Amino acid sequence: MVIWTDNAVSHITEFIDSVREGTEETAKAYMSKLIDYVDILETMPELGKVLKYKILGYDVRQIIYKKHRIIYHVKENNAVILAIIHTRLDIDKAIRKLKRDIE
């Protein structure tokens, strides 16, 4: 099962809300495809690359969809989506912020 945290859902909402007027439909379609892409974790939760971080005692993993990192951990064979961050962002800073928000 794929479990979306409130934090990850808010990242999607913020992305859609931040786009320029006239591109909202494109942003929604992009995020819809990202969400569909993440569904692969339902059958293969350990697919993503293990990063050097731990959150709540779990190894943090990532998969990449175009220009976004899907950050998650595996709990009881479920993929728990923690964050969606742009690949331009510094991963170390993003994980530190994520840890503050979650832990």
N, C-alpha and C. Protein backbone atom coordinates (compact mmCIF):
# COMPACT_ATOMS: atom_id res chain seq x y z
N MET A 1 0.84 -1.17 0.00
CA MET A 1 0.00 0.00 0.00
C MET A 1 0.89 1.24 0.00
N VAL A 2 0.45 2.28 -0.67
CA VAL A 2 1.14 3.56 -0.66
C VAL A 2 0.36 4.49 0.27
N ILE A 3 1.05 5.05 1.24
CA ILE A 3 0.43 5.95 2.21
C ILE A 3 1.02 7.34 2.01
N TRP A 4 0.16 8.31 1.77
CA TRP A 4 0.60 9.70 1.57
C TRP A 4 0.46 10.46 2.88
N THR A 5 1.56 11.05 3.35
CA THR A 5 1.49 11.88 4.55
C THR A 5 0.88 13.23 4.18
N ASP A 6 0.38 13.93 5.19
CA ASP A 6 -0.16 15.28 4.97
C ASP A 6 0.90 16.19 4.37
N ASN A 7 2.14 16.01 4.81
CA ASN A 7 3.25 16.81 4.31
C ASN A 7 3.40 16.64 2.80
N ALA A 8 3.38 15.41 2.32
CA ALA A 8 3.54 15.14 0.89
C ALA A 8 2.36 15.69 0.09
N VAL A 9 1.16 15.54 0.61
CA VAL A 9 -0.03 16.06 -0.07
C VAL A 9 0.05 17.59 -0.16
N SER A 10 0.55 18.22 0.91
CA SER A 10 0.65 19.69 0.87
C SER A 10 1.68 20.13 -0.17
N HIS A 11 2.72 19.33 -0.40
CA HIS A 11 3.70 19.68 -1.44
C HIS A 11 3.04 19.69 -2.82
N ILE A 12 2.19 18.71 -3.07
CA ILE A 12 1.49 18.65 -4.35
C ILE A 12 0.56 19.85 -4.50
N THR A 13 -0.19 20.15 -3.45
CA THR A 13 -1.12 21.28 -3.48
C THR A 13 -0.37 22.59 -3.69
N GLU A 14 0.75 22.77 -2.98
CA GLU A 14 1.55 23.99 -3.13
C GLU A 14 2.08 24.12 -4.55
N PHE A 15 2.51 23.02 -5.14
CA PHE A 15 3.02 23.06 -6.51
C PHE A 15 1.93 23.54 -7.46
N ILE A 16 0.76 22.98 -7.35
CA ILE A 16 -0.35 23.36 -8.24
C ILE A 16 -0.74 24.81 -8.00
N ASP A 17 -0.78 25.23 -6.74
CA ASP A 17 -1.17 26.60 -6.41
C ASP A 17 -0.13 27.63 -6.87
N SER A 18 1.13 27.22 -7.00
CA SER A 18 2.19 28.17 -7.32
C SER A 18 2.40 28.40 -8.81
N VAL A 19 1.76 27.63 -9.65
CA VAL A 19 1.97 27.79 -11.09
C VAL A 19 1.29 29.05 -11.62
N ARG A 20 1.82 29.52 -12.72
CA ARG A 20 1.25 30.71 -13.34
C ARG A 20 -0.15 30.44 -13.85
N GLU A 21 -0.94 31.48 -13.87
CA GLU A 21 -2.29 31.36 -14.40
C GLU A 21 -2.21 30.87 -15.83
N GLY A 22 -3.07 29.97 -16.17
CA GLY A 22 -3.09 29.42 -17.51
C GLY A 22 -2.36 28.09 -17.63
N THR A 23 -1.57 27.75 -16.61
CA THR A 23 -0.86 26.47 -16.65
C THR A 23 -1.34 25.51 -15.57
N GLU A 24 -2.42 25.87 -14.91
CA GLU A 24 -2.95 25.04 -13.83
C GLU A 24 -3.30 23.63 -14.30
N GLU A 25 -3.93 23.52 -15.46
CA GLU A 25 -4.31 22.20 -15.97
C GLU A 25 -3.08 21.34 -16.27
N THR A 26 -2.04 21.97 -16.80
CA THR A 26 -0.80 21.25 -17.07
C THR A 26 -0.18 20.76 -15.76
N ALA A 27 -0.17 21.62 -14.75
CA ALA A 27 0.39 21.24 -13.44
C ALA A 27 -0.42 20.11 -12.82
N LYS A 28 -1.72 20.19 -12.91
CA LYS A 28 -2.57 19.12 -12.36
C LYS A 28 -2.31 17.80 -13.09
N ALA A 29 -2.18 17.86 -14.40
CA ALA A 29 -1.91 16.65 -15.18
C ALA A 29 -0.55 16.06 -14.80
N TYR A 30 0.45 16.93 -14.64
CA TYR A 30 1.80 16.48 -14.24
C TYR A 30 1.74 15.77 -12.89
N MET A 31 1.09 16.40 -11.92
CA MET A 31 1.00 15.80 -10.58
C MET A 31 0.18 14.52 -10.59
N SER A 32 -0.83 14.47 -11.42
CA SER A 32 -1.63 13.25 -11.54
C SER A 32 -0.76 12.09 -12.05
N LYS A 33 0.09 12.40 -13.04
CA LYS A 33 0.99 11.37 -13.57
C LYS A 33 2.04 10.98 -12.53
N LEU A 34 2.51 11.94 -11.74
CA LEU A 34 3.46 11.64 -10.66
C LEU A 34 2.82 10.69 -9.66
N ILE A 35 1.59 10.97 -9.29
CA ILE A 35 0.88 10.11 -8.33
C ILE A 35 0.71 8.70 -8.91
N ASP A 36 0.35 8.62 -10.18
CA ASP A 36 0.23 7.31 -10.84
C ASP A 36 1.57 6.58 -10.85
N TYR A 37 2.64 7.32 -11.10
CA TYR A 37 3.99 6.75 -11.11
C TYR A 37 4.34 6.14 -9.76
N VAL A 38 3.97 6.82 -8.69
CA VAL A 38 4.27 6.37 -7.33
C VAL A 38 3.57 5.05 -7.02
N ASP A 39 2.49 4.76 -7.70
CA ASP A 39 1.75 3.51 -7.45
C ASP A 39 2.60 2.27 -7.64
N ILE A 40 3.71 2.35 -8.37
CA ILE A 40 4.60 1.20 -8.53
C ILE A 40 5.14 0.73 -7.18
N LEU A 41 5.20 1.66 -6.23
CA LEU A 41 5.70 1.32 -4.90
C LEU A 41 4.76 0.38 -4.14
N GLU A 42 3.52 0.30 -4.60
CA GLU A 42 2.56 -0.61 -3.97
C GLU A 42 3.04 -2.05 -4.09
N THR A 43 3.58 -2.40 -5.24
CA THR A 43 4.05 -3.78 -5.44
C THR A 43 5.55 -3.93 -5.21
N MET A 44 6.28 -2.81 -5.30
CA MET A 44 7.74 -2.86 -5.10
C MET A 44 8.18 -1.72 -4.19
N PRO A 45 7.82 -1.76 -2.91
CA PRO A 45 8.12 -0.63 -2.02
C PRO A 45 9.61 -0.37 -1.82
N GLU A 46 10.44 -1.36 -2.04
CA GLU A 46 11.88 -1.17 -1.83
C GLU A 46 12.61 -0.83 -3.13
N LEU A 47 11.88 -0.39 -4.12
CA LEU A 47 12.44 -0.04 -5.42
C LEU A 47 13.40 1.15 -5.34
N GLY A 48 13.07 2.14 -4.55
CA GLY A 48 13.83 3.38 -4.52
C GLY A 48 15.22 3.25 -3.94
N LYS A 49 16.06 4.18 -4.34
CA LYS A 49 17.44 4.25 -3.85
C LYS A 49 17.42 4.64 -2.38
N VAL A 50 18.19 3.91 -1.56
CA VAL A 50 18.31 4.25 -0.14
C VAL A 50 19.26 5.44 -0.03
N LEU A 51 18.80 6.47 0.68
CA LEU A 51 19.63 7.65 0.90
C LEU A 51 20.36 7.50 2.23
N LYS A 52 21.21 8.44 2.55
CA LYS A 52 22.03 8.34 3.76
C LYS A 52 21.31 8.84 5.01
N TYR A 53 20.02 9.05 4.94
CA TYR A 53 19.26 9.63 6.03
C TYR A 53 18.33 8.60 6.67
N LYS A 54 17.98 8.88 7.92
CA LYS A 54 16.94 8.12 8.61
C LYS A 54 15.93 9.12 9.16
N ILE A 55 14.68 8.75 9.06
CA ILE A 55 13.60 9.55 9.65
C ILE A 55 12.72 8.59 10.43
N LEU A 56 12.46 8.94 11.68
CA LEU A 56 11.67 8.09 12.56
C LEU A 56 12.24 6.68 12.66
N GLY A 57 13.56 6.56 12.48
CA GLY A 57 14.22 5.26 12.57
C GLY A 57 14.19 4.44 11.29
N TYR A 58 13.60 4.97 10.25
CA TYR A 58 13.50 4.24 8.97
C TYR A 58 14.49 4.81 7.96
N ASP A 59 15.02 3.93 7.10
CA ASP A 59 15.84 4.39 5.99
C ASP A 59 14.98 5.21 5.05
N VAL A 60 15.50 6.34 4.61
CA VAL A 60 14.80 7.20 3.66
C VAL A 60 15.21 6.76 2.25
N ARG A 61 14.22 6.66 1.38
CA ARG A 61 14.44 6.24 -0.01
C ARG A 61 13.91 7.32 -0.93
N GLN A 62 14.32 7.23 -2.19
CA GLN A 62 13.77 8.15 -3.18
C GLN A 62 13.60 7.47 -4.52
N ILE A 63 12.59 7.90 -5.22
CA ILE A 63 12.47 7.62 -6.65
C ILE A 63 12.32 8.99 -7.31
N ILE A 64 12.69 9.05 -8.56
CA ILE A 64 12.63 10.32 -9.29
C ILE A 64 11.54 10.22 -10.35
N TYR A 65 10.71 11.26 -10.40
CA TYR A 65 9.75 11.40 -11.50
C TYR A 65 10.05 12.74 -12.17
N LYS A 66 10.58 12.69 -13.36
CA LYS A 66 10.96 13.87 -14.15
C LYS A 66 11.80 14.83 -13.30
N LYS A 67 11.22 15.90 -12.80
CA LYS A 67 11.99 16.90 -12.04
C LYS A 67 11.69 16.88 -10.55
N HIS A 68 11.09 15.81 -10.05
CA HIS A 68 10.75 15.74 -8.63
C HIS A 68 11.26 14.46 -7.98
N ARG A 69 11.71 14.61 -6.77
CA ARG A 69 12.11 13.48 -5.93
C ARG A 69 10.90 13.09 -5.07
N ILE A 70 10.59 11.83 -5.06
CA ILE A 70 9.57 11.32 -4.17
C ILE A 70 10.34 10.68 -3.02
N ILE A 71 10.23 11.28 -1.85
CA ILE A 71 10.96 10.85 -0.67
C ILE A 71 10.01 10.00 0.18
N TYR A 72 10.46 8.81 0.57
CA TYR A 72 9.59 7.91 1.32
C TYR A 72 10.39 6.95 2.18
N HIS A 73 9.69 6.25 3.04
CA HIS A 73 10.30 5.13 3.76
C HIS A 73 9.34 3.95 3.71
N VAL A 74 9.86 2.79 4.00
CA VAL A 74 9.05 1.57 3.98
C VAL A 74 8.74 1.19 5.42
N LYS A 75 7.46 1.04 5.70
CA LYS A 75 6.99 0.64 7.03
C LYS A 75 6.00 -0.50 6.86
N GLU A 76 6.36 -1.66 7.40
CA GLU A 76 5.49 -2.84 7.32
C GLU A 76 5.06 -3.13 5.88
N ASN A 77 6.01 -3.06 4.97
CA ASN A 77 5.80 -3.32 3.54
C ASN A 77 4.92 -2.28 2.85
N ASN A 78 4.69 -1.15 3.51
CA ASN A 78 3.97 -0.03 2.91
C ASN A 78 4.96 1.08 2.58
N ALA A 79 4.77 1.75 1.48
CA ALA A 79 5.58 2.91 1.13
C ALA A 79 4.89 4.15 1.70
N VAL A 80 5.55 4.81 2.62
CA VAL A 80 5.01 6.01 3.26
C VAL A 80 5.67 7.22 2.59
N ILE A 81 4.90 7.95 1.80
CA ILE A 81 5.42 9.09 1.06
C ILE A 81 5.54 10.27 2.02
N LEU A 82 6.77 10.75 2.18
CA LEU A 82 7.06 11.82 3.13
C LEU A 82 7.08 13.20 2.49
N ALA A 83 7.58 13.27 1.26
CA ALA A 83 7.74 14.58 0.64
C ALA A 83 7.89 14.43 -0.87
N ILE A 84 7.53 15.50 -1.56
CA ILE A 84 7.77 15.63 -3.00
C ILE A 84 8.59 16.91 -3.13
N ILE A 85 9.83 16.78 -3.58
CA ILE A 85 10.67 17.97 -3.69
C ILE A 85 11.30 18.06 -5.08
N HIS A 86 11.50 19.27 -5.53
CA HIS A 86 12.09 19.49 -6.84
C HIS A 86 13.55 19.09 -6.82
N THR A 87 14.03 18.55 -7.92
CA THR A 87 15.42 18.10 -7.98
C THR A 87 16.42 19.25 -7.88
N ARG A 88 15.99 20.47 -8.13
CA ARG A 88 16.89 21.63 -7.98
C ARG A 88 17.21 21.93 -6.53
N LEU A 89 16.32 21.55 -5.63
CA LEU A 89 16.53 21.86 -4.21
C LEU A 89 17.66 21.03 -3.63
N ASP A 90 18.36 21.61 -2.69
CA ASP A 90 19.43 20.92 -1.99
C ASP A 90 18.81 19.81 -1.13
N ILE A 91 19.18 18.57 -1.42
CA ILE A 91 18.57 17.42 -0.74
C ILE A 91 18.87 17.44 0.76
N ASP A 92 20.07 17.84 1.16
CA ASP A 92 20.41 17.88 2.58
C ASP A 92 19.51 18.85 3.34
N LYS A 93 19.32 20.05 2.79
CA LYS A 93 18.46 21.04 3.43
C LYS A 93 17.01 20.55 3.46
N ALA A 94 16.57 19.96 2.38
CA ALA A 94 15.19 19.47 2.30
C ALA A 94 14.93 18.38 3.34
N ILE A 95 15.89 17.47 3.51
CA ILE A 95 15.72 16.39 4.49
C ILE A 95 15.75 16.96 5.91
N ARG A 96 16.64 17.92 6.18
CA ARG A 96 16.67 18.53 7.52
C ARG A 96 15.33 19.18 7.85
N LYS A 97 14.77 19.90 6.88
CA LYS A 97 13.45 20.52 7.10
C LYS A 97 12.39 19.46 7.30
N LEU A 98 12.44 18.42 6.50
CA LEU A 98 11.48 17.33 6.63
C LEU A 98 11.55 16.69 8.00
N LYS A 99 12.77 16.46 8.49
CA LYS A 99 12.94 15.88 9.83
C LYS A 99 12.33 16.77 10.91
N ARG A 100 12.56 18.09 10.79
CA ARG A 100 11.97 19.03 11.76
C ARG A 100 10.45 18.97 11.71
N ASP A 101 9.90 18.87 10.52
CA ASP A 101 8.44 18.85 10.36
C ASP A 101 7.81 17.57 10.89
N ILE A 102 8.53 16.44 10.76
CA ILE A 102 7.95 15.14 11.09
C ILE A 102 8.29 14.66 12.49
N GLU A 103 9.54 14.80 12.87
CA GLU A 103 9.97 14.21 14.14
C GLU A 103 9.64 15.07 15.33
